[in-house]
Amino acid sequence: MVEPKVEAPQDPQPGRSASVQTIDSDPSLSPEPTSIASRAWSHMLEPVRPSGFAEFELLLLTFCTGIQDAISFPDYHCFASNQTGNTVFLMLAVILPHLNGEMFITANIGAALGFFLLGGWTTGQISHLVGPRVRLWLVGCNFLQSCLVFGAAAMQYVHGANLSGADAVAVVALLAFASGSQVVQSRSLRMTEISTAMATAAWMDLMIDPALFRRENRPRTRRVLFLATLVLGSLAGAGIYRSAGSWVAILVSAAGKMLVTGLYLFNSTDKPKSTAGQDAC
């Protein structure tokens, strides 16, 4: 006896099962994570957008640089951030070594220039690998710089501001490495007018700007703000140095850098450009 065939019930919505299967198998179509931890991690991996808020952060770092250089020269006869003078002094030390201890301290100058370059090289090369404007990298890098400056302040507080010796070299090295790493950030944020350290190029670029007196000139405005902030930072550093001591000035600089570390969490995100039109071609 032949059994009657029972037809399978048809799906009232053809293609629905296939679409559901496609969504389940394609992770790009799955719902976005909604947990706080997932959103926070995604936020940290986003690239920071160059903006007016980022300009403010770089200017705050410039102010901290002015404080550091205002105390590094009278204490150690070298600059923690400005390497033009250090380069000239280092060449003088090669030709006129008898001036060591009078006009400059060769060990301090060598440490300042060497660790500044090391900080810039290390930060720059790692930036190429992880992304120069990834929020997590900017926060972590600036946090490390702040810790180095805090360490320099602690060493001065414990051992005093010795003109030469291992303690002096250590303090200069910490400040210079942090400064070299810091300068990379201005380039990462595409604001080379605010280098946070070197003033010579900014002065010259300002003087030769063909649109110097034009009302709308963002690069000119950035250079003016950078130079003014560097001057104010140097004056503040000199004032703190005279009234409270150099370790307090370094401490204030470190606190300013740590403030910028926290501010990086609130920068706007650089959204990727839509490629829908290109994909459709």
C-alpha atoms as a PDB file:
ATOM      1  CA  MET A   1       0.000   0.000   0.000  1.00  0.00           C
ATOM      2  CA  VAL A   2       1.366   3.327  -1.054  1.00  0.00           C
ATOM      3  CA  GLU A   3       1.518   5.877   1.749  1.00  0.00           C
ATOM      4  CA  PRO A   4       0.187   9.317   0.879  1.00  0.00           C
ATOM      5  CA  LYS A   5       2.847  11.941   0.390  1.00  0.00           C
ATOM      6  CA  VAL A   6       2.806  14.739   2.893  1.00  0.00           C
ATOM      7  CA  GLU A   7       4.171  17.958   1.497  1.00  0.00           C
ATOM      8  CA  ALA A   8       6.420  20.022   3.770  1.00  0.00           C
ATOM      9  CA  PRO A   9       4.846  23.285   4.842  1.00  0.00           C
ATOM     10  CA  GLN A  10       6.071  26.128   2.734  1.00  0.00           C
ATOM     11  CA  ASP A  11       7.772  29.095   4.319  1.00  0.00           C
ATOM     12  CA  PRO A  12       5.278  31.975   4.148  1.00  0.00           C
ATOM     13  CA  GLN A  13       8.233  34.321   3.773  1.00  0.00           C
ATOM     14  CA  PRO A  14      10.517  32.908   1.082  1.00  0.00           C
ATOM     15  CA  GLY A  15      14.169  33.778   1.562  1.00  0.00           C
ATOM     16  CA  ARG A  16      13.676  34.593   5.225  1.00  0.00           C
ATOM     17  CA  SER A  17      15.630  31.538   6.419  1.00  0.00           C
ATOM     18  CA  ALA A  18      18.437  32.265   3.995  1.00  0.00           C
ATOM     19  CA  SER A  19      18.618  35.877   5.130  1.00  0.00           C
ATOM     20  CA  VAL A  20      18.691  34.847   8.765  1.00  0.00           C
ATOM     21  CA  GLN A  21      21.452  32.363   8.017  1.00  0.00           C
ATOM     22  CA  THR A  22      23.389  35.031   6.130  1.00  0.00           C
ATOM     23  CA  ILE A  23      23.156  37.460   9.038  1.00  0.00           C
ATOM     24  CA  ASP A  24      24.268  34.782  11.492  1.00  0.00           C
ATOM     25  CA  SER A  25      27.228  33.751   9.348  1.00  0.00           C
ATOM     26  CA  ASP A  26      28.353  37.247   8.393  1.00  0.00           C
ATOM     27  CA  PRO A  27      29.898  38.963  11.463  1.00  0.00           C
ATOM     28  CA  SER A  28      29.821  42.330   9.698  1.00  0.00           C
ATOM     29  CA  LEU A  29      25.981  42.232   9.753  1.00  0.00           C
ATOM     30  CA  SER A  30      25.667  41.186  13.389  1.00  0.00           C
ATOM     31  CA  PRO A  31      24.357  43.730  15.911  1.00  0.00           C
ATOM     32  CA  GLU A  32      26.966  46.134  17.262  1.00  0.00           C
ATOM     33  CA  PRO A  33      28.127  45.556  20.833  1.00  0.00           C
ATOM     34  CA  THR A  34      26.123  47.585  23.300  1.00  0.00           C
ATOM     35  CA  SER A  35      27.893  46.852  26.571  1.00  0.00           C
ATOM     36  CA  ILE A  36      29.661  49.709  28.299  1.00  0.00           C
ATOM     37  CA  ALA A  37      33.003  47.909  28.147  1.00  0.00           C
ATOM     38  CA  SER A  38      32.679  47.276  24.401  1.00  0.00           C
ATOM     39  CA  ARG A  39      31.713  50.854  23.663  1.00  0.00           C
ATOM     40  CA  ALA A  40      34.560  52.155  25.821  1.00  0.00           C
ATOM     41  CA  TRP A  41      37.081  49.929  24.043  1.00  0.00           C
ATOM     42  CA  SER A  42      35.768  51.002  20.633  1.00  0.00           C
ATOM     43  CA  HIS A  43      36.056  54.621  21.755  1.00  0.00           C
ATOM     44  CA  MET A  44      39.707  54.108  22.719  1.00  0.00           C
ATOM     45  CA  LEU A  45      40.517  52.558  19.340  1.00  0.00           C
ATOM     46  CA  GLU A  46      39.055  55.442  17.334  1.00  0.00           C
ATOM     47  CA  PRO A  47      41.356  58.006  15.693  1.00  0.00           C
ATOM     48  CA  VAL A  48      41.314  61.491  17.213  1.00  0.00           C
ATOM     49  CA  ARG A  49      40.241  64.265  14.868  1.00  0.00           C
ATOM     50  CA  PRO A  50      42.416  67.392  14.551  1.00  0.00           C
ATOM     51  CA  SER A  51      40.235  70.141  15.984  1.00  0.00           C
ATOM     52  CA  GLY A  52      40.175  73.294  18.047  1.00  0.00           C
ATOM     53  CA  PHE A  53      40.093  71.179  21.189  1.00  0.00           C
ATOM     54  CA  ALA A  54      43.248  69.372  20.053  1.00  0.00           C
ATOM     55  CA  GLU A  55      44.879  72.771  19.479  1.00  0.00           C
ATOM     56  CA  PHE A  56      44.086  73.698  23.078  1.00  0.00           C
ATOM     57  CA  GLU A  57      45.688  70.466  24.295  1.00  0.00           C
ATOM     58  CA  LEU A  58      48.870  71.104  22.306  1.00  0.00           C
ATOM     59  CA  LEU A  59      49.023  74.662  23.612  1.00  0.00           C
ATOM     60  CA  LEU A  60      48.730  73.349  27.162  1.00  0.00           C
ATOM     61  CA  LEU A  61      51.646  71.000  26.444  1.00  0.00           C
ATOM     62  CA  THR A  62      53.565  73.987  25.058  1.00  0.00           C
ATOM     63  CA  PHE A  63      52.991  75.841  28.324  1.00  0.00           C
ATOM     64  CA  CYS A  64      54.428  72.857  30.209  1.00  0.00           C
ATOM     65  CA  THR A  65      57.450  72.833  27.880  1.00  0.00           C
ATOM     66  CA  GLY A  66      58.123  76.481  28.654  1.00  0.00           C
ATOM     67  CA  ILE A  67      58.137  75.677  32.359  1.00  0.00           C
ATOM     68  CA  GLN A  68      60.626  72.832  31.898  1.00  0.00           C
ATOM     69  CA  ASP A  69      63.100  74.810  29.795  1.00  0.00           C
ATOM     70  CA  ALA A  70      62.884  77.763  32.180  1.00  0.00           C
ATOM     71  CA  ILE A  71      64.345  75.615  34.958  1.00  0.00           C
ATOM     72  CA  SER A  72      66.554  73.218  32.991  1.00  0.00           C
ATOM     73  CA  PHE A  73      68.981  75.870  31.770  1.00  0.00           C
ATOM     74  CA  PRO A  74      69.748  77.542  35.134  1.00  0.00           C
ATOM     75  CA  ASP A  75      69.886  74.164  36.886  1.00  0.00           C
ATOM     76  CA  TYR A  76      71.738  72.067  34.303  1.00  0.00           C
ATOM     77  CA  HIS A  77      73.089  74.525  31.696  1.00  0.00           C
ATOM     78  CA  CYS A  78      71.156  72.808  28.917  1.00  0.00           C
ATOM     79  CA  PHE A  79      67.654  72.730  27.467  1.00  0.00           C
ATOM     80  CA  ALA A  80      65.315  69.802  27.962  1.00  0.00           C
ATOM     81  CA  SER A  81      63.289  70.570  24.825  1.00  0.00           C
ATOM     82  CA  ASN A  82      65.068  73.156  22.668  1.00  0.00           C
ATOM     83  CA  GLN A  83      67.778  71.195  20.893  1.00  0.00           C
ATOM     84  CA  THR A  84      69.207  74.005  18.757  1.00  0.00           C
ATOM     85  CA  GLY A  85      71.207  75.378  21.664  1.00  0.00           C
ATOM     86  CA  ASN A  86      72.184  71.903  22.813  1.00  0.00           C
ATOM     87  CA  THR A  87      73.532  71.027  19.374  1.00  0.00           C
ATOM     88  CA  VAL A  88      75.713  74.155  19.277  1.00  0.00           C
ATOM     89  CA  PHE A  89      76.955  73.590  22.830  1.00  0.00           C
ATOM     90  CA  LEU A  90      77.808  69.982  22.039  1.00  0.00           C
ATOM     91  CA  MET A  91      79.969  71.075  19.107  1.00  0.00           C
ATOM     92  CA  LEU A  92      81.659  73.638  21.346  1.00  0.00           C
ATOM     93  CA  ALA A  93      82.396  70.846  23.808  1.00  0.00           C
ATOM     94  CA  VAL A  94      84.174  68.942  21.043  1.00  0.00           C
ATOM     95  CA  ILE A  95      86.371  71.878  19.960  1.00  0.00           C
ATOM     96  CA  LEU A  96      86.650  73.719  23.289  1.00  0.00           C
ATOM     97  CA  PRO A  97      86.497  71.065  26.017  1.00  0.00           C
ATOM     98  CA  HIS A  98      88.043  73.391  28.578  1.00  0.00           C
ATOM     99  CA  LEU A  99      84.709  75.280  28.722  1.00  0.00           C
ATOM    100  CA  ASN A 100      83.042  72.232  30.229  1.00  0.00           C
ATOM    101  CA  GLY A 101      81.825  73.183  33.683  1.00  0.00           C
ATOM    102  CA  GLU A 102      81.911  76.926  32.941  1.00  0.00           C
ATOM    103  CA  MET A 103      79.663  77.588  29.948  1.00  0.00           C
ATOM    104  CA  PHE A 104      78.008  74.170  29.704  1.00  0.00           C
ATOM    105  CA  ILE A 105      78.013  70.664  31.156  1.00  0.00           C
ATOM    106  CA  THR A 106      78.900  68.227  28.386  1.00  0.00           C
ATOM    107  CA  ALA A 107      77.260  65.201  30.014  1.00  0.00           C
ATOM    108  CA  ASN A 108      73.990  67.083  30.509  1.00  0.00           C
ATOM    109  CA  ILE A 109      73.960  68.361  26.931  1.00  0.00           C
ATOM    110  CA  GLY A 110      74.684  64.920  25.534  1.00  0.00           C
ATOM    111  CA  ALA A 111      71.916  63.382  27.648  1.00  0.00           C
ATOM    112  CA  ALA A 112      69.427  66.072  26.629  1.00  0.00           C
ATOM    113  CA  LEU A 113      70.069  65.745  22.896  1.00  0.00           C
ATOM    114  CA  GLY A 114      70.433  61.969  22.917  1.00  0.00           C
ATOM    115  CA  PHE A 115      67.321  61.185  24.948  1.00  0.00           C
ATOM    116  CA  PHE A 116      65.273  63.796  23.083  1.00  0.00           C
ATOM    117  CA  LEU A 117      66.084  62.030  19.814  1.00  0.00           C
ATOM    118  CA  LEU A 118      65.479  58.634  21.402  1.00  0.00           C
ATOM    119  CA  GLY A 119      62.069  59.720  22.651  1.00  0.00           C
ATOM    120  CA  GLY A 120      61.093  61.082  19.254  1.00  0.00           C
ATOM    121  CA  TRP A 121      62.376  58.022  17.391  1.00  0.00           C
ATOM    122  CA  THR A 122      60.690  55.529  19.718  1.00  0.00           C
ATOM    123  CA  THR A 123      57.352  57.331  19.707  1.00  0.00           C
ATOM    124  CA  GLY A 124      57.398  57.951  15.979  1.00  0.00           C
ATOM    125  CA  GLN A 125      58.241  54.388  14.998  1.00  0.00           C
ATOM    126  CA  ILE A 126      55.626  52.874  17.306  1.00  0.00           C
ATOM    127  CA  SER A 127      53.092  55.375  15.956  1.00  0.00           C
ATOM    128  CA  HIS A 128      53.594  53.968  12.476  1.00  0.00           C
ATOM    129  CA  LEU A 129      52.609  50.535  13.775  1.00  0.00           C
ATOM    130  CA  VAL A 130      49.637  51.335  16.012  1.00  0.00           C
ATOM    131  CA  GLY A 131      48.290  54.466  14.320  1.00  0.00           C
ATOM    132  CA  PRO A 132      49.533  57.945  15.241  1.00  0.00           C
ATOM    133  CA  ARG A 133      46.123  59.342  16.221  1.00  0.00           C
ATOM    134  CA  VAL A 134      44.535  56.317  17.880  1.00  0.00           C
ATOM    135  CA  ARG A 135      43.093  57.551  21.161  1.00  0.00           C
ATOM    136  CA  LEU A 136      44.492  54.665  23.204  1.00  0.00           C
ATOM    137  CA  TRP A 137      47.991  55.388  21.900  1.00  0.00           C
ATOM    138  CA  LEU A 138      47.761  59.135  22.578  1.00  0.00           C
ATOM    139  CA  VAL A 139      46.472  58.563  26.106  1.00  0.00           C
ATOM    140  CA  GLY A 140      49.045  55.888  26.906  1.00  0.00           C
ATOM    141  CA  CYS A 141      51.946  57.804  25.385  1.00  0.00           C
ATOM    142  CA  ASN A 142      51.094  61.034  27.164  1.00  0.00           C
ATOM    143  CA  PHE A 143      50.568  59.151  30.427  1.00  0.00           C
ATOM    144  CA  LEU A 144      54.081  57.716  30.140  1.00  0.00           C
ATOM    145  CA  GLN A 145      55.513  61.175  29.424  1.00  0.00           C
ATOM    146  CA  SER A 146      53.752  62.572  32.476  1.00  0.00           C
ATOM    147  CA  CYS A 147      55.141  59.788  34.655  1.00  0.00           C
ATOM    148  CA  LEU A 148      58.662  60.541  33.434  1.00  0.00           C
ATOM    149  CA  VAL A 149      58.288  64.217  34.343  1.00  0.00           C
ATOM    150  CA  PHE A 150      56.822  63.286  37.735  1.00  0.00           C
ATOM    151  CA  GLY A 151      59.886  61.080  38.205  1.00  0.00           C
ATOM    152  CA  ALA A 152      62.192  63.995  37.398  1.00  0.00           C
ATOM    153  CA  ALA A 153      60.376  66.157  39.970  1.00  0.00           C
ATOM    154  CA  ALA A 154      60.717  63.402  42.574  1.00  0.00           C
ATOM    155  CA  MET A 155      64.447  63.067  41.923  1.00  0.00           C
ATOM    156  CA  GLN A 156      64.961  66.792  42.331  1.00  0.00           C
ATOM    157  CA  TYR A 157      62.929  66.810  45.524  1.00  0.00           C
ATOM    158  CA  VAL A 158      64.975  63.951  47.020  1.00  0.00           C
ATOM    159  CA  HIS A 159      68.458  64.742  45.721  1.00  0.00           C
ATOM    160  CA  GLY A 160      68.242  68.463  44.984  1.00  0.00           C
ATOM    161  CA  ALA A 161      69.215  70.258  41.776  1.00  0.00           C
ATOM    162  CA  ASN A 162      72.839  69.259  41.297  1.00  0.00           C
ATOM    163  CA  LEU A 163      74.597  70.938  38.379  1.00  0.00           C
ATOM    164  CA  SER A 164      76.429  67.778  37.333  1.00  0.00           C
ATOM    165  CA  GLY A 165      76.699  64.127  38.206  1.00  0.00           C
ATOM    166  CA  ALA A 166      74.516  61.070  37.779  1.00  0.00           C
ATOM    167  CA  ASP A 167      71.463  62.704  39.378  1.00  0.00           C
ATOM    168  CA  ALA A 168      71.637  65.659  36.999  1.00  0.00           C
ATOM    169  CA  VAL A 169      72.005  63.424  33.948  1.00  0.00           C
ATOM    170  CA  ALA A 170      69.055  61.307  35.076  1.00  0.00           C
ATOM    171  CA  VAL A 171      66.744  64.308  35.508  1.00  0.00           C
ATOM    172  CA  VAL A 172      67.773  65.772  32.141  1.00  0.00           C
ATOM    173  CA  ALA A 173      67.298  62.408  30.442  1.00  0.00           C
ATOM    174  CA  LEU A 174      63.774  61.991  31.831  1.00  0.00           C
ATOM    175  CA  LEU A 175      62.712  65.488  30.781  1.00  0.00           C
ATOM    176  CA  ALA A 176      64.329  65.249  27.340  1.00  0.00           C
ATOM    177  CA  PHE A 177      62.828  61.840  26.500  1.00  0.00           C
ATOM    178  CA  ALA A 178      59.373  63.092  27.488  1.00  0.00           C
ATOM    179  CA  SER A 179      59.850  66.235  25.377  1.00  0.00           C
ATOM    180  CA  GLY A 180      60.997  64.315  22.306  1.00  0.00           C
ATOM    181  CA  SER A 181      57.981  62.034  22.570  1.00  0.00           C
ATOM    182  CA  GLN A 182      55.695  65.033  23.042  1.00  0.00           C
ATOM    183  CA  VAL A 183      56.847  66.784  19.862  1.00  0.00           C
ATOM    184  CA  VAL A 184      55.736  63.764  17.819  1.00  0.00           C
ATOM    185  CA  GLN A 185      52.143  64.348  18.945  1.00  0.00           C
ATOM    186  CA  SER A 186      51.841  67.699  17.182  1.00  0.00           C
ATOM    187  CA  ARG A 187      52.816  66.042  13.916  1.00  0.00           C
ATOM    188  CA  SER A 188      50.478  63.138  14.586  1.00  0.00           C
ATOM    189  CA  LEU A 189      47.610  65.600  15.036  1.00  0.00           C
ATOM    190  CA  ARG A 190      48.556  67.398  11.784  1.00  0.00           C
ATOM    191  CA  MET A 191      49.305  70.685  13.550  1.00  0.00           C
ATOM    192  CA  THR A 192      52.951  71.301  12.767  1.00  0.00           C
ATOM    193  CA  GLU A 193      52.504  75.007  13.529  1.00  0.00           C
ATOM    194  CA  ILE A 194      52.253  74.014  17.207  1.00  0.00           C
ATOM    195  CA  SER A 195      55.401  71.962  17.688  1.00  0.00           C
ATOM    196  CA  THR A 196      55.103  72.338  21.506  1.00  0.00           C
ATOM    197  CA  ALA A 197      58.874  72.932  21.739  1.00  0.00           C
ATOM    198  CA  MET A 198      60.897  74.623  18.954  1.00  0.00           C
ATOM    199  CA  ALA A 199      60.265  78.325  18.415  1.00  0.00           C
ATOM    200  CA  THR A 200      62.796  79.239  15.687  1.00  0.00           C
ATOM    201  CA  ALA A 201      60.843  77.753  12.782  1.00  0.00           C
ATOM    202  CA  ALA A 202      57.588  79.206  14.110  1.00  0.00           C
ATOM    203  CA  TRP A 203      59.089  82.705  14.287  1.00  0.00           C
ATOM    204  CA  MET A 204      60.396  82.506  10.722  1.00  0.00           C
ATOM    205  CA  ASP A 205      57.247  80.947   9.283  1.00  0.00           C
ATOM    206  CA  LEU A 206      55.267  83.708  10.935  1.00  0.00           C
ATOM    207  CA  MET A 207      57.477  86.450   9.505  1.00  0.00           C
ATOM    208  CA  ILE A 208      57.413  85.141   5.918  1.00  0.00           C
ATOM    209  CA  ASP A 209      53.718  84.286   5.852  1.00  0.00           C
ATOM    210  CA  PRO A 210      52.296  86.085   2.765  1.00  0.00           C
ATOM    211  CA  ALA A 211      48.882  86.206   4.446  1.00  0.00           C
ATOM    212  CA  LEU A 212      50.239  87.462   7.765  1.00  0.00           C
ATOM    213  CA  PHE A 213      47.673  90.270   8.075  1.00  0.00           C
ATOM    214  CA  ARG A 214      44.755  88.414   6.550  1.00  0.00           C
ATOM    215  CA  ARG A 215      41.837  88.042   8.915  1.00  0.00           C
ATOM    216  CA  GLU A 216      41.222  84.351   8.213  1.00  0.00           C
ATOM    217  CA  ASN A 217      44.573  82.581   8.493  1.00  0.00           C
ATOM    218  CA  ARG A 218      44.518  79.521  10.717  1.00  0.00           C
ATOM    219  CA  PRO A 219      48.221  78.555  10.416  1.00  0.00           C
ATOM    220  CA  ARG A 220      49.239  82.128  11.350  1.00  0.00           C
ATOM    221  CA  THR A 221      46.915  82.095  14.337  1.00  0.00           C
ATOM    222  CA  ARG A 222      48.286  78.761  15.509  1.00  0.00           C
ATOM    223  CA  ARG A 223      51.872  80.026  15.341  1.00  0.00           C
ATOM    224  CA  VAL A 224      51.006  83.186  17.277  1.00  0.00           C
ATOM    225  CA  LEU A 225      49.217  81.200  19.974  1.00  0.00           C
ATOM    226  CA  PHE A 226      52.094  78.721  20.159  1.00  0.00           C
ATOM    227  CA  LEU A 227      54.745  81.417  20.596  1.00  0.00           C
ATOM    228  CA  ALA A 228      52.659  83.358  23.118  1.00  0.00           C
ATOM    229  CA  THR A 229      51.986  80.208  25.145  1.00  0.00           C
ATOM    230  CA  LEU A 230      55.666  79.241  25.122  1.00  0.00           C
ATOM    231  CA  VAL A 231      56.569  82.710  26.423  1.00  0.00           C
ATOM    232  CA  LEU A 232      53.932  82.528  29.143  1.00  0.00           C
ATOM    233  CA  GLY A 233      55.100  79.058  30.161  1.00  0.00           C
ATOM    234  CA  SER A 234      58.694  80.248  30.399  1.00  0.00           C
ATOM    235  CA  LEU A 235      57.657  83.214  32.528  1.00  0.00           C
ATOM    236  CA  ALA A 236      55.594  80.957  34.772  1.00  0.00           C
ATOM    237  CA  GLY A 237      58.482  78.516  35.104  1.00  0.00           C
ATOM    238  CA  ALA A 238      60.902  81.292  36.002  1.00  0.00           C
ATOM    239  CA  GLY A 239      58.477  82.643  38.597  1.00  0.00           C
ATOM    240  CA  ILE A 240      57.946  79.237  40.207  1.00  0.00           C
ATOM    241  CA  TYR A 241      61.700  78.576  40.092  1.00  0.00           C
ATOM    242  CA  ARG A 242      62.396  81.806  41.975  1.00  0.00           C
ATOM    243  CA  SER A 243      59.631  81.463  44.556  1.00  0.00           C
ATOM    244  CA  ALA A 244      59.269  77.733  45.209  1.00  0.00           C
ATOM    245  CA  GLY A 245      62.150  75.901  43.566  1.00  0.00           C
ATOM    246  CA  SER A 246      62.700  73.999  40.370  1.00  0.00           C
ATOM    247  CA  TRP A 247      61.188  70.718  41.588  1.00  0.00           C
ATOM    248  CA  VAL A 248      57.865  72.471  42.114  1.00  0.00           C
ATOM    249  CA  ALA A 249      58.033  73.868  38.577  1.00  0.00           C
ATOM    250  CA  ILE A 250      58.643  70.389  37.178  1.00  0.00           C
ATOM    251  CA  LEU A 251      55.774  69.083  39.284  1.00  0.00           C
ATOM    252  CA  VAL A 252      53.423  71.702  37.827  1.00  0.00           C
ATOM    253  CA  SER A 253      54.567  70.774  34.326  1.00  0.00           C
ATOM    254  CA  ALA A 254      53.908  67.094  34.999  1.00  0.00           C
ATOM    255  CA  ALA A 255      50.431  67.893  36.338  1.00  0.00           C
ATOM    256  CA  GLY A 256      49.647  69.862  33.184  1.00  0.00           C
ATOM    257  CA  LYS A 257      50.744  66.963  31.002  1.00  0.00           C
ATOM    258  CA  MET A 258      48.628  64.537  33.028  1.00  0.00           C
ATOM    259  CA  LEU A 259      45.654  66.847  32.551  1.00  0.00           C
ATOM    260  CA  VAL A 260      46.118  66.605  28.785  1.00  0.00           C
ATOM    261  CA  THR A 261      46.213  62.814  29.145  1.00  0.00           C
ATOM    262  CA  GLY A 262      42.711  62.893  30.575  1.00  0.00           C
ATOM    263  CA  LEU A 263      41.493  65.437  28.021  1.00  0.00           C
ATOM    264  CA  TYR A 264      42.420  63.103  25.158  1.00  0.00           C
ATOM    265  CA  LEU A 265      39.490  60.939  26.249  1.00  0.00           C
ATOM    266  CA  PHE A 266      37.059  63.663  25.169  1.00  0.00           C
ATOM    267  CA  ASN A 267      38.421  64.549  21.717  1.00  0.00           C
ATOM    268  CA  SER A 268      36.058  64.103  18.819  1.00  0.00           C
ATOM    269  CA  THR A 269      36.536  61.139  16.509  1.00  0.00           C
ATOM    270  CA  ASP A 270      37.868  61.343  12.991  1.00  0.00           C
ATOM    271  CA  LYS A 271      35.125  59.510  11.110  1.00  0.00           C
ATOM    272  CA  PRO A 272      36.275  57.534   8.047  1.00  0.00           C
ATOM    273  CA  LYS A 273      35.155  58.868   4.703  1.00  0.00           C
ATOM    274  CA  SER A 274      32.318  57.010   3.061  1.00  0.00           C
ATOM    275  CA  THR A 275      33.363  54.775   0.160  1.00  0.00           C
ATOM    276  CA  ALA A 276      29.868  53.842  -0.956  1.00  0.00           C
ATOM    277  CA  GLY A 277      30.190  55.800  -4.160  1.00  0.00           C
ATOM    278  CA  GLN A 278      33.518  54.183  -5.014  1.00  0.00           C
ATOM    279  CA  ASP A 279      32.205  50.691  -4.319  1.00  0.00           C
ATOM    280  CA  ALA A 280      29.242  51.305  -6.584  1.00  0.00           C
ATOM    281  CA  CYS A 281      31.428  52.158  -9.558  1.00  0.00           C
END
